[in-house]
């Protein structure tokens, strides 16, 4: 029901996360790692649904779990300086579902906004693993009465849509 009232949204990762004008939006996506629990509370007090950004299809430098994710790196995506993730690995999926996502959700986020789910377009062997990862994250988020969103088009999202509240 809270999503029924969403009419505007902001994607505020990076420097935009501290902007004071974010409170005018109904749904706000901020970096799940860098945003503090206090900031999440401030944004939620404005009535907004606040989602934690989490890249699940790539492994980004500078994340606290980078070293733990290193064994699951595929080739480097030079455009962004991050590695595609071996989501077919059960150990990588456990890292995300048992350590990374719960740590973000513990800050009081209303759910997760997944990025780079579309890596399966160029890494077809990762498709089943990505579907399993999205399904597991959906169970985690929904157990907390939260929301799961993902970026990318319906061609990629279609098989996972039942696990998502938005894209």
N, C-alpha and C. Protein backbone atom coordinates (compact mmCIF):
# COMPACT_ATOMS: atom_id res chain seq x y z
N UNK A 1 0.79 -1.23 0.00
CA UNK A 1 0.00 0.00 0.00
C UNK A 1 0.83 1.29 0.00
N UNK A 2 1.98 1.27 0.64
CA UNK A 2 2.81 2.50 0.65
C UNK A 2 3.24 2.89 -0.74
N UNK A 3 3.41 1.92 -1.61
CA UNK A 3 3.85 2.23 -2.98
C UNK A 3 2.74 2.91 -3.78
N UNK A 4 1.49 2.73 -3.37
CA UNK A 4 0.38 3.36 -4.08
C UNK A 4 0.46 4.88 -4.06
N UNK A 5 1.13 5.43 -3.07
CA UNK A 5 1.20 6.89 -2.94
C UNK A 5 2.45 7.47 -3.60
N UNK A 6 3.32 6.63 -4.14
CA UNK A 6 4.56 7.11 -4.76
C UNK A 6 4.24 7.78 -6.10
N UNK A 7 4.62 9.04 -6.20
CA UNK A 7 4.42 9.80 -7.44
C UNK A 7 5.74 10.36 -7.97
N UNK A 8 6.77 10.40 -7.12
CA UNK A 8 8.07 10.93 -7.54
C UNK A 8 9.17 10.11 -6.88
N UNK A 9 10.32 10.10 -7.53
CA UNK A 9 11.42 9.36 -6.93
C UNK A 9 12.74 10.00 -7.28
N UNK A 10 13.75 9.72 -6.47
CA UNK A 10 15.09 10.26 -6.68
C UNK A 10 16.10 9.12 -6.59
N UNK A 11 17.05 9.15 -7.50
CA UNK A 11 18.17 8.21 -7.49
C UNK A 11 19.37 9.02 -7.04
N UNK A 12 19.72 8.90 -5.78
CA UNK A 12 20.72 9.80 -5.18
C UNK A 12 21.89 9.03 -4.60
N UNK A 13 22.65 8.38 -5.46
CA UNK A 13 23.86 7.73 -4.95
C UNK A 13 25.02 8.67 -5.21
N UNK A 14 26.10 8.47 -4.49
CA UNK A 14 27.24 9.37 -4.61
C UNK A 14 26.99 10.66 -3.85
N UNK A 15 27.46 11.76 -4.39
CA UNK A 15 27.38 13.05 -3.71
C UNK A 15 25.95 13.52 -3.47
N UNK A 16 25.00 13.07 -4.26
CA UNK A 16 23.62 13.52 -4.12
C UNK A 16 22.91 13.01 -2.88
N UNK A 17 23.49 12.03 -2.20
CA UNK A 17 22.82 11.41 -1.07
C UNK A 17 22.63 12.36 0.11
N UNK A 18 23.44 13.37 0.22
CA UNK A 18 23.33 14.28 1.36
C UNK A 18 22.49 15.51 1.05
N UNK A 19 22.00 15.63 -0.14
CA UNK A 19 21.20 16.80 -0.49
C UNK A 19 19.96 16.87 0.38
N UNK A 20 19.67 18.03 0.91
CA UNK A 20 18.52 18.20 1.80
C UNK A 20 17.20 18.12 1.05
N UNK A 21 17.18 18.42 -0.23
CA UNK A 21 15.93 18.43 -0.98
C UNK A 21 15.40 17.03 -1.30
N UNK A 22 16.08 16.00 -0.87
CA UNK A 22 15.59 14.64 -1.13
C UNK A 22 14.26 14.37 -0.44
N UNK A 23 13.98 15.08 0.62
CA UNK A 23 12.77 14.82 1.38
C UNK A 23 11.50 15.19 0.62
N UNK A 24 11.62 15.83 -0.52
CA UNK A 24 10.43 16.16 -1.30
C UNK A 24 9.99 15.00 -2.20
N UNK A 25 10.76 13.91 -2.22
CA UNK A 25 10.44 12.77 -3.07
C UNK A 25 9.73 11.68 -2.26
N UNK A 26 8.90 10.90 -2.96
CA UNK A 26 8.14 9.82 -2.32
C UNK A 26 8.94 8.53 -2.18
N UNK A 27 9.87 8.30 -3.10
CA UNK A 27 10.72 7.12 -3.08
C UNK A 27 12.13 7.59 -3.36
N UNK A 28 13.06 7.17 -2.52
CA UNK A 28 14.45 7.63 -2.63
C UNK A 28 15.37 6.43 -2.62
N UNK A 29 16.29 6.38 -3.59
CA UNK A 29 17.32 5.34 -3.64
C UNK A 29 18.64 6.00 -3.27
N UNK A 30 19.27 5.49 -2.22
CA UNK A 30 20.57 5.99 -1.79
C UNK A 30 21.52 4.81 -1.63
N UNK A 31 22.80 5.09 -1.57
CA UNK A 31 23.80 4.04 -1.45
C UNK A 31 23.60 3.29 -0.13
N UNK A 32 23.41 2.00 -0.21
CA UNK A 32 23.16 1.20 0.98
C UNK A 32 24.33 1.12 1.92
N UNK A 33 25.52 1.24 1.41
CA UNK A 33 26.71 1.18 2.25
C UNK A 33 27.02 2.53 2.87
N UNK A 34 27.01 3.56 2.07
CA UNK A 34 27.48 4.87 2.52
C UNK A 34 26.46 5.66 3.33
N UNK A 35 25.20 5.34 3.21
CA UNK A 35 24.16 6.08 3.91
C UNK A 35 24.03 5.55 5.34
N UNK A 36 24.06 6.45 6.29
CA UNK A 36 23.99 6.06 7.70
C UNK A 36 22.55 5.75 8.10
N UNK A 37 22.42 5.03 9.20
CA UNK A 37 21.09 4.73 9.75
C UNK A 37 20.38 6.02 10.13
N UNK A 38 21.11 7.00 10.62
CA UNK A 38 20.50 8.29 10.98
C UNK A 38 19.92 8.97 9.75
N UNK A 39 20.66 8.94 8.64
CA UNK A 39 20.16 9.56 7.41
C UNK A 39 18.93 8.82 6.89
N UNK A 40 18.93 7.50 6.99
CA UNK A 40 17.76 6.71 6.58
C UNK A 40 16.55 7.13 7.40
N UNK A 41 16.73 7.28 8.72
CA UNK A 41 15.62 7.71 9.58
C UNK A 41 15.11 9.10 9.17
N UNK A 42 16.03 10.02 8.89
CA UNK A 42 15.63 11.37 8.46
C UNK A 42 14.78 11.32 7.20
N UNK A 43 15.22 10.55 6.23
CA UNK A 43 14.49 10.45 4.97
C UNK A 43 13.14 9.78 5.16
N UNK A 44 13.10 8.75 5.99
CA UNK A 44 11.83 8.05 6.23
C UNK A 44 10.84 8.93 6.99
N UNK A 45 11.35 9.79 7.86
CA UNK A 45 10.46 10.70 8.61
C UNK A 45 9.70 11.63 7.67
N UNK A 46 10.26 11.87 6.49
CA UNK A 46 9.58 12.73 5.52
C UNK A 46 8.43 11.98 4.84
N UNK A 47 8.30 10.69 5.14
CA UNK A 47 7.24 9.87 4.55
C UNK A 47 7.69 9.07 3.34
N UNK A 48 8.96 9.21 2.98
CA UNK A 48 9.48 8.53 1.79
C UNK A 48 9.75 7.06 2.04
N UNK A 49 9.62 6.28 0.99
CA UNK A 49 10.12 4.91 0.95
C UNK A 49 11.59 5.03 0.58
N UNK A 50 12.47 4.45 1.39
CA UNK A 50 13.91 4.61 1.18
C UNK A 50 14.53 3.25 0.90
N UNK A 51 15.12 3.13 -0.29
CA UNK A 51 15.73 1.87 -0.73
C UNK A 51 17.25 1.99 -0.76
N UNK A 52 17.91 0.90 -0.42
CA UNK A 52 19.37 0.82 -0.44
C UNK A 52 19.83 0.33 -1.81
N UNK A 53 20.67 1.12 -2.46
CA UNK A 53 21.28 0.72 -3.72
C UNK A 53 22.28 -0.39 -3.44
N UNK A 54 22.22 -1.45 -4.25
CA UNK A 54 23.16 -2.57 -4.13
C UNK A 54 23.39 -3.16 -5.51
N UNK A 55 24.63 -3.12 -5.97
CA UNK A 55 24.96 -3.77 -7.23
C UNK A 55 25.16 -5.26 -6.96
N UNK A 56 24.36 -6.08 -7.62
CA UNK A 56 24.48 -7.53 -7.43
C UNK A 56 25.12 -8.22 -8.63
N UNK A 57 25.26 -7.51 -9.73
CA UNK A 57 25.86 -8.11 -10.93
C UNK A 57 27.31 -7.74 -11.13
N UNK A 58 27.79 -6.85 -10.27
CA UNK A 58 29.19 -6.45 -10.34
C UNK A 58 29.78 -6.39 -8.95
N UNK A 59 31.09 -6.40 -8.91
CA UNK A 59 31.84 -6.27 -7.66
C UNK A 59 32.61 -4.97 -7.76
N UNK A 60 32.27 -4.05 -6.88
CA UNK A 60 32.82 -2.70 -6.91
C UNK A 60 33.96 -2.54 -5.91
N UNK A 61 35.01 -1.88 -6.36
CA UNK A 61 36.10 -1.51 -5.47
C UNK A 61 35.58 -0.59 -4.39
N UNK A 62 36.19 -0.62 -3.24
CA UNK A 62 35.83 0.29 -2.18
C UNK A 62 34.70 -0.19 -1.28
N UNK A 63 34.09 -1.29 -1.62
CA UNK A 63 33.03 -1.84 -0.76
C UNK A 63 33.69 -2.67 0.34
N UNK A 64 33.14 -2.67 1.55
CA UNK A 64 33.75 -3.44 2.64
C UNK A 64 33.85 -4.93 2.35
N UNK A 65 32.99 -5.43 1.48
CA UNK A 65 32.99 -6.86 1.16
C UNK A 65 33.82 -7.17 -0.10
N UNK A 66 34.54 -6.17 -0.61
CA UNK A 66 35.30 -6.35 -1.85
C UNK A 66 36.26 -7.54 -1.75
N UNK A 67 37.03 -7.60 -0.67
CA UNK A 67 38.01 -8.68 -0.53
C UNK A 67 37.32 -10.05 -0.48
N UNK A 68 36.21 -10.13 0.24
CA UNK A 68 35.48 -11.41 0.32
C UNK A 68 34.90 -11.81 -1.03
N UNK A 69 34.60 -10.82 -1.87
CA UNK A 69 34.01 -11.09 -3.19
C UNK A 69 35.06 -11.35 -4.27
N UNK A 70 36.31 -11.07 -4.00
CA UNK A 70 37.37 -11.20 -5.01
C UNK A 70 37.40 -12.56 -5.71
N UNK A 71 37.21 -13.68 -5.01
CA UNK A 71 37.24 -14.97 -5.71
C UNK A 71 36.13 -15.14 -6.76
N UNK A 72 35.13 -14.28 -6.72
CA UNK A 72 33.97 -14.42 -7.61
C UNK A 72 33.97 -13.39 -8.73
N UNK A 73 35.13 -12.78 -8.96
CA UNK A 73 35.23 -11.80 -10.04
C UNK A 73 35.37 -12.50 -11.38
N UNK A 74 34.62 -11.97 -12.34
CA UNK A 74 34.80 -12.37 -13.73
C UNK A 74 35.66 -11.28 -14.36
N UNK A 75 35.45 -10.94 -15.62
CA UNK A 75 36.29 -9.92 -16.24
C UNK A 75 35.94 -8.51 -15.77
N UNK A 76 36.90 -7.62 -15.94
CA UNK A 76 36.72 -6.22 -15.55
C UNK A 76 35.82 -5.51 -16.54
N UNK A 77 34.86 -4.78 -16.05
CA UNK A 77 34.00 -3.92 -16.86
C UNK A 77 34.68 -2.56 -16.85
N UNK A 78 35.46 -2.31 -17.86
CA UNK A 78 36.33 -1.14 -17.88
C UNK A 78 35.58 0.18 -17.82
N UNK A 79 34.37 0.25 -18.37
CA UNK A 79 33.60 1.49 -18.34
C UNK A 79 33.44 2.02 -16.92
N UNK A 80 33.27 1.14 -15.97
CA UNK A 80 32.98 1.53 -14.59
C UNK A 80 34.07 1.12 -13.61
N UNK A 81 35.06 0.37 -14.06
CA UNK A 81 36.14 -0.04 -13.17
C UNK A 81 35.70 -1.04 -12.11
N UNK A 82 34.73 -1.87 -12.47
CA UNK A 82 34.26 -2.90 -11.55
C UNK A 82 34.20 -4.22 -12.30
N UNK A 83 34.16 -5.31 -11.56
CA UNK A 83 34.18 -6.64 -12.16
C UNK A 83 32.78 -7.22 -12.21
N UNK A 84 32.50 -7.93 -13.29
CA UNK A 84 31.27 -8.70 -13.32
C UNK A 84 31.37 -9.78 -12.26
N UNK A 85 30.25 -10.12 -11.65
CA UNK A 85 30.23 -11.08 -10.56
C UNK A 85 29.80 -12.46 -11.04
N UNK A 86 30.40 -13.47 -10.46
CA UNK A 86 30.02 -14.85 -10.73
C UNK A 86 28.83 -15.19 -9.83
N UNK A 87 27.65 -14.74 -10.25
CA UNK A 87 26.44 -14.98 -9.46
C UNK A 87 26.01 -16.44 -9.51
N UNK A 88 26.63 -17.24 -10.37
CA UNK A 88 26.32 -18.67 -10.40
C UNK A 88 26.94 -19.38 -9.20
N UNK A 89 27.85 -18.72 -8.51
CA UNK A 89 28.50 -19.32 -7.35
C UNK A 89 27.61 -19.20 -6.12
N UNK A 90 27.25 -20.32 -5.51
CA UNK A 90 26.45 -20.27 -4.27
C UNK A 90 27.14 -19.46 -3.17
N UNK A 91 28.46 -19.51 -3.13
CA UNK A 91 29.20 -18.76 -2.10
C UNK A 91 29.05 -17.25 -2.31
N UNK A 92 29.06 -16.79 -3.56
CA UNK A 92 28.85 -15.37 -3.81
C UNK A 92 27.43 -14.97 -3.42
N UNK A 93 26.46 -15.79 -3.78
CA UNK A 93 25.08 -15.48 -3.42
C UNK A 93 24.90 -15.42 -1.91
N UNK A 94 25.56 -16.31 -1.18
CA UNK A 94 25.49 -16.29 0.29
C UNK A 94 26.12 -15.01 0.83
N UNK A 95 27.23 -14.59 0.26
CA UNK A 95 27.88 -13.34 0.69
C UNK A 95 26.89 -12.18 0.60
N UNK A 96 26.18 -12.09 -0.50
CA UNK A 96 25.23 -11.01 -0.70
C UNK A 96 24.01 -11.17 0.20
N UNK A 97 23.45 -12.37 0.27
CA UNK A 97 22.19 -12.56 1.00
C UNK A 97 22.37 -12.69 2.51
N UNK A 98 23.53 -13.14 2.97
CA UNK A 98 23.72 -13.36 4.40
C UNK A 98 24.55 -12.28 5.09
N UNK A 99 25.33 -11.52 4.31
CA UNK A 99 26.18 -10.50 4.92
C UNK A 99 25.88 -9.10 4.42
N UNK A 100 25.94 -8.92 3.11
CA UNK A 100 25.83 -7.58 2.55
C UNK A 100 24.43 -7.00 2.71
N UNK A 101 23.42 -7.67 2.17
CA UNK A 101 22.05 -7.15 2.22
C UNK A 101 21.54 -6.99 3.66
N UNK A 102 21.73 -7.98 4.55
CA UNK A 102 21.25 -7.79 5.92
C UNK A 102 21.91 -6.60 6.62
N UNK A 103 23.18 -6.35 6.33
CA UNK A 103 23.86 -5.20 6.93
C UNK A 103 23.23 -3.89 6.50
N UNK A 104 22.84 -3.82 5.25
CA UNK A 104 22.17 -2.61 4.76
C UNK A 104 20.78 -2.48 5.37
N UNK A 105 20.02 -3.56 5.33
CA UNK A 105 18.65 -3.52 5.83
C UNK A 105 18.60 -3.20 7.32
N UNK A 106 19.64 -3.56 8.06
CA UNK A 106 19.69 -3.28 9.49
C UNK A 106 19.72 -1.77 9.79
N UNK A 107 20.05 -0.97 8.79
CA UNK A 107 20.06 0.48 8.96
C UNK A 107 18.66 1.09 8.92
N UNK A 108 17.67 0.27 8.62
CA UNK A 108 16.30 0.75 8.60
C UNK A 108 15.73 1.05 7.22
N UNK A 109 16.42 0.63 6.19
CA UNK A 109 15.92 0.82 4.83
C UNK A 109 14.60 0.08 4.65
N UNK A 110 13.79 0.58 3.72
CA UNK A 110 12.52 -0.07 3.38
C UNK A 110 12.71 -1.21 2.40
N UNK A 111 13.90 -1.38 1.91
CA UNK A 111 14.18 -2.44 0.96
C UNK A 111 15.44 -2.17 0.17
N UNK A 112 15.56 -2.88 -0.95
CA UNK A 112 16.76 -2.81 -1.79
C UNK A 112 16.41 -2.41 -3.21
N UNK A 113 17.36 -1.73 -3.85
CA UNK A 113 17.30 -1.39 -5.27
C UNK A 113 18.51 -2.06 -5.90
N UNK A 114 18.29 -3.12 -6.66
CA UNK A 114 19.37 -3.91 -7.24
C UNK A 114 19.82 -3.33 -8.58
N UNK A 115 21.12 -3.28 -8.76
CA UNK A 115 21.67 -2.79 -10.01
C UNK A 115 22.49 -3.90 -10.67
N UNK A 116 22.67 -3.74 -11.96
CA UNK A 116 23.46 -4.62 -12.80
C UNK A 116 22.92 -6.05 -12.87
N UNK A 117 21.62 -6.18 -12.66
CA UNK A 117 20.95 -7.46 -12.87
C UNK A 117 21.07 -7.85 -14.34
N UNK A 118 21.18 -6.85 -15.21
CA UNK A 118 21.24 -7.09 -16.65
C UNK A 118 22.56 -7.68 -17.13
N UNK A 119 23.51 -7.89 -16.24
CA UNK A 119 24.77 -8.50 -16.66
C UNK A 119 24.55 -9.86 -17.31
N UNK A 120 23.39 -10.44 -17.08
CA UNK A 120 23.09 -11.75 -17.66
C UNK A 120 22.85 -11.67 -19.17
N UNK A 121 22.67 -10.46 -19.69
CA UNK A 121 22.54 -10.34 -21.14
C UNK A 121 23.82 -10.72 -21.85
N UNK A 122 24.95 -10.39 -21.25
CA UNK A 122 26.25 -10.71 -21.86
C UNK A 122 26.92 -11.91 -21.20
N UNK A 123 26.37 -12.36 -20.10
CA UNK A 123 26.92 -13.50 -19.37
C UNK A 123 25.78 -14.51 -19.13
N UNK A 124 25.34 -15.12 -20.19
CA UNK A 124 24.17 -16.00 -20.15
C UNK A 124 24.31 -17.14 -19.14
N UNK A 125 25.53 -17.62 -18.92
CA UNK A 125 25.75 -18.71 -17.97
C UNK A 125 25.42 -18.28 -16.54
N UNK A 126 25.25 -16.98 -16.32
CA UNK A 126 24.95 -16.45 -14.98
C UNK A 126 23.44 -16.31 -14.73
N UNK A 127 22.62 -16.58 -15.74
CA UNK A 127 21.18 -16.32 -15.64
C UNK A 127 20.51 -17.06 -14.48
N UNK A 128 20.74 -18.34 -14.35
CA UNK A 128 20.09 -19.11 -13.28
C UNK A 128 20.55 -18.60 -11.91
N UNK A 129 21.83 -18.30 -11.78
CA UNK A 129 22.34 -17.78 -10.51
C UNK A 129 21.73 -16.44 -10.16
N UNK A 130 21.54 -15.58 -11.16
CA UNK A 130 20.93 -14.28 -10.90
C UNK A 130 19.48 -14.44 -10.47
N UNK A 131 18.76 -15.33 -11.12
CA UNK A 131 17.38 -15.57 -10.71
C UNK A 131 17.32 -16.08 -9.27
N UNK A 132 18.23 -16.97 -8.91
CA UNK A 132 18.26 -17.49 -7.54
C UNK A 132 18.61 -16.39 -6.54
N UNK A 133 19.54 -15.52 -6.91
CA UNK A 133 19.94 -14.42 -6.03
C UNK A 133 18.79 -13.45 -5.82
N UNK A 134 18.12 -13.07 -6.90
CA UNK A 134 17.00 -12.14 -6.78
C UNK A 134 15.87 -12.77 -5.95
N UNK A 135 15.61 -14.05 -6.15
CA UNK A 135 14.56 -14.73 -5.37
C UNK A 135 14.92 -14.75 -3.89
N UNK A 136 16.17 -15.02 -3.57
CA UNK A 136 16.60 -15.06 -2.17
C UNK A 136 16.52 -13.68 -1.54
N UNK A 137 16.92 -12.64 -2.27
CA UNK A 137 16.83 -11.28 -1.74
C UNK A 137 15.38 -10.87 -1.55
N UNK A 138 14.52 -11.33 -2.44
CA UNK A 138 13.10 -11.05 -2.31
C UNK A 138 12.56 -11.64 -1.01
N UNK A 139 12.92 -12.87 -0.72
CA UNK A 139 12.47 -13.50 0.53
C UNK A 139 12.97 -12.72 1.75
N UNK A 140 14.22 -12.30 1.71
CA UNK A 140 14.81 -11.55 2.81
C UNK A 140 14.08 -10.23 3.03
N UNK A 141 13.88 -9.49 1.95
CA UNK A 141 13.25 -8.18 2.04
C UNK A 141 11.78 -8.31 2.45
N UNK A 142 11.08 -9.22 1.85
CA UNK A 142 9.65 -9.38 2.15
C UNK A 142 9.41 -9.92 3.56
N UNK A 143 10.36 -10.68 4.10
CA UNK A 143 10.23 -11.13 5.49
C UNK A 143 10.24 -9.94 6.44
N UNK A 144 10.83 -8.83 6.00
CA UNK A 144 10.86 -7.60 6.79
C UNK A 144 9.76 -6.63 6.35
N UNK A 145 8.85 -7.12 5.52
CA UNK A 145 7.78 -6.30 4.94
C UNK A 145 8.34 -5.14 4.14
N UNK A 146 9.43 -5.42 3.44
CA UNK A 146 10.07 -4.40 2.62
C UNK A 146 9.83 -4.61 1.14
N UNK A 147 10.55 -3.85 0.34
CA UNK A 147 10.37 -3.84 -1.11
C UNK A 147 11.67 -4.17 -1.81
N UNK A 148 11.53 -4.82 -2.95
CA UNK A 148 12.68 -5.13 -3.79
C UNK A 148 12.43 -4.56 -5.17
N UNK A 149 13.33 -3.69 -5.60
CA UNK A 149 13.29 -3.10 -6.93
C UNK A 149 14.56 -3.51 -7.66
N UNK A 150 14.52 -3.49 -8.97
CA UNK A 150 15.71 -3.75 -9.77
C UNK A 150 15.70 -2.84 -10.99
N UNK A 151 16.87 -2.52 -11.42
CA UNK A 151 17.03 -1.69 -12.61
C UNK A 151 17.09 -2.62 -13.82
N UNK A 152 16.81 -2.11 -14.96
CA UNK A 152 16.94 -2.78 -16.25
C UNK A 152 15.60 -3.09 -16.89
N UNK A 153 15.64 -3.47 -18.17
CA UNK A 153 14.39 -3.58 -18.93
C UNK A 153 13.68 -4.91 -18.71
N UNK A 154 12.45 -4.97 -19.18
CA UNK A 154 11.61 -6.15 -18.95
C UNK A 154 12.19 -7.41 -19.58
N UNK A 155 12.97 -7.27 -20.64
CA UNK A 155 13.58 -8.44 -21.26
C UNK A 155 14.46 -9.20 -20.28
N UNK A 156 15.10 -8.48 -19.40
CA UNK A 156 15.95 -9.10 -18.37
C UNK A 156 15.13 -9.41 -17.13
N UNK A 157 14.30 -8.46 -16.74
CA UNK A 157 13.55 -8.56 -15.49
C UNK A 157 12.39 -9.56 -15.58
N UNK A 158 11.84 -9.73 -16.77
CA UNK A 158 10.65 -10.56 -16.95
C UNK A 158 10.63 -11.84 -16.14
N UNK A 159 11.65 -12.71 -16.27
CA UNK A 159 11.64 -13.96 -15.51
C UNK A 159 11.74 -13.78 -13.99
N UNK A 160 12.14 -12.59 -13.54
CA UNK A 160 12.31 -12.33 -12.10
C UNK A 160 11.21 -11.43 -11.55
N UNK A 161 10.32 -10.99 -12.41
CA UNK A 161 9.34 -9.96 -12.03
C UNK A 161 8.51 -10.35 -10.81
N UNK A 162 8.17 -11.61 -10.65
CA UNK A 162 7.34 -12.02 -9.52
C UNK A 162 8.04 -11.80 -8.18
N UNK A 163 9.36 -11.65 -8.22
CA UNK A 163 10.13 -11.42 -7.00
C UNK A 163 10.30 -9.93 -6.71
N UNK A 164 9.84 -9.07 -7.62
CA UNK A 164 10.09 -7.64 -7.52
C UNK A 164 8.81 -6.86 -7.22
N UNK A 165 8.99 -5.75 -6.55
CA UNK A 165 7.89 -4.81 -6.31
C UNK A 165 7.94 -3.65 -7.29
N UNK A 166 9.04 -3.51 -7.98
CA UNK A 166 9.17 -2.45 -8.98
C UNK A 166 10.49 -2.57 -9.72
N UNK A 167 10.49 -1.92 -10.89
CA UNK A 167 11.75 -1.83 -11.64
C UNK A 167 11.73 -0.58 -12.48
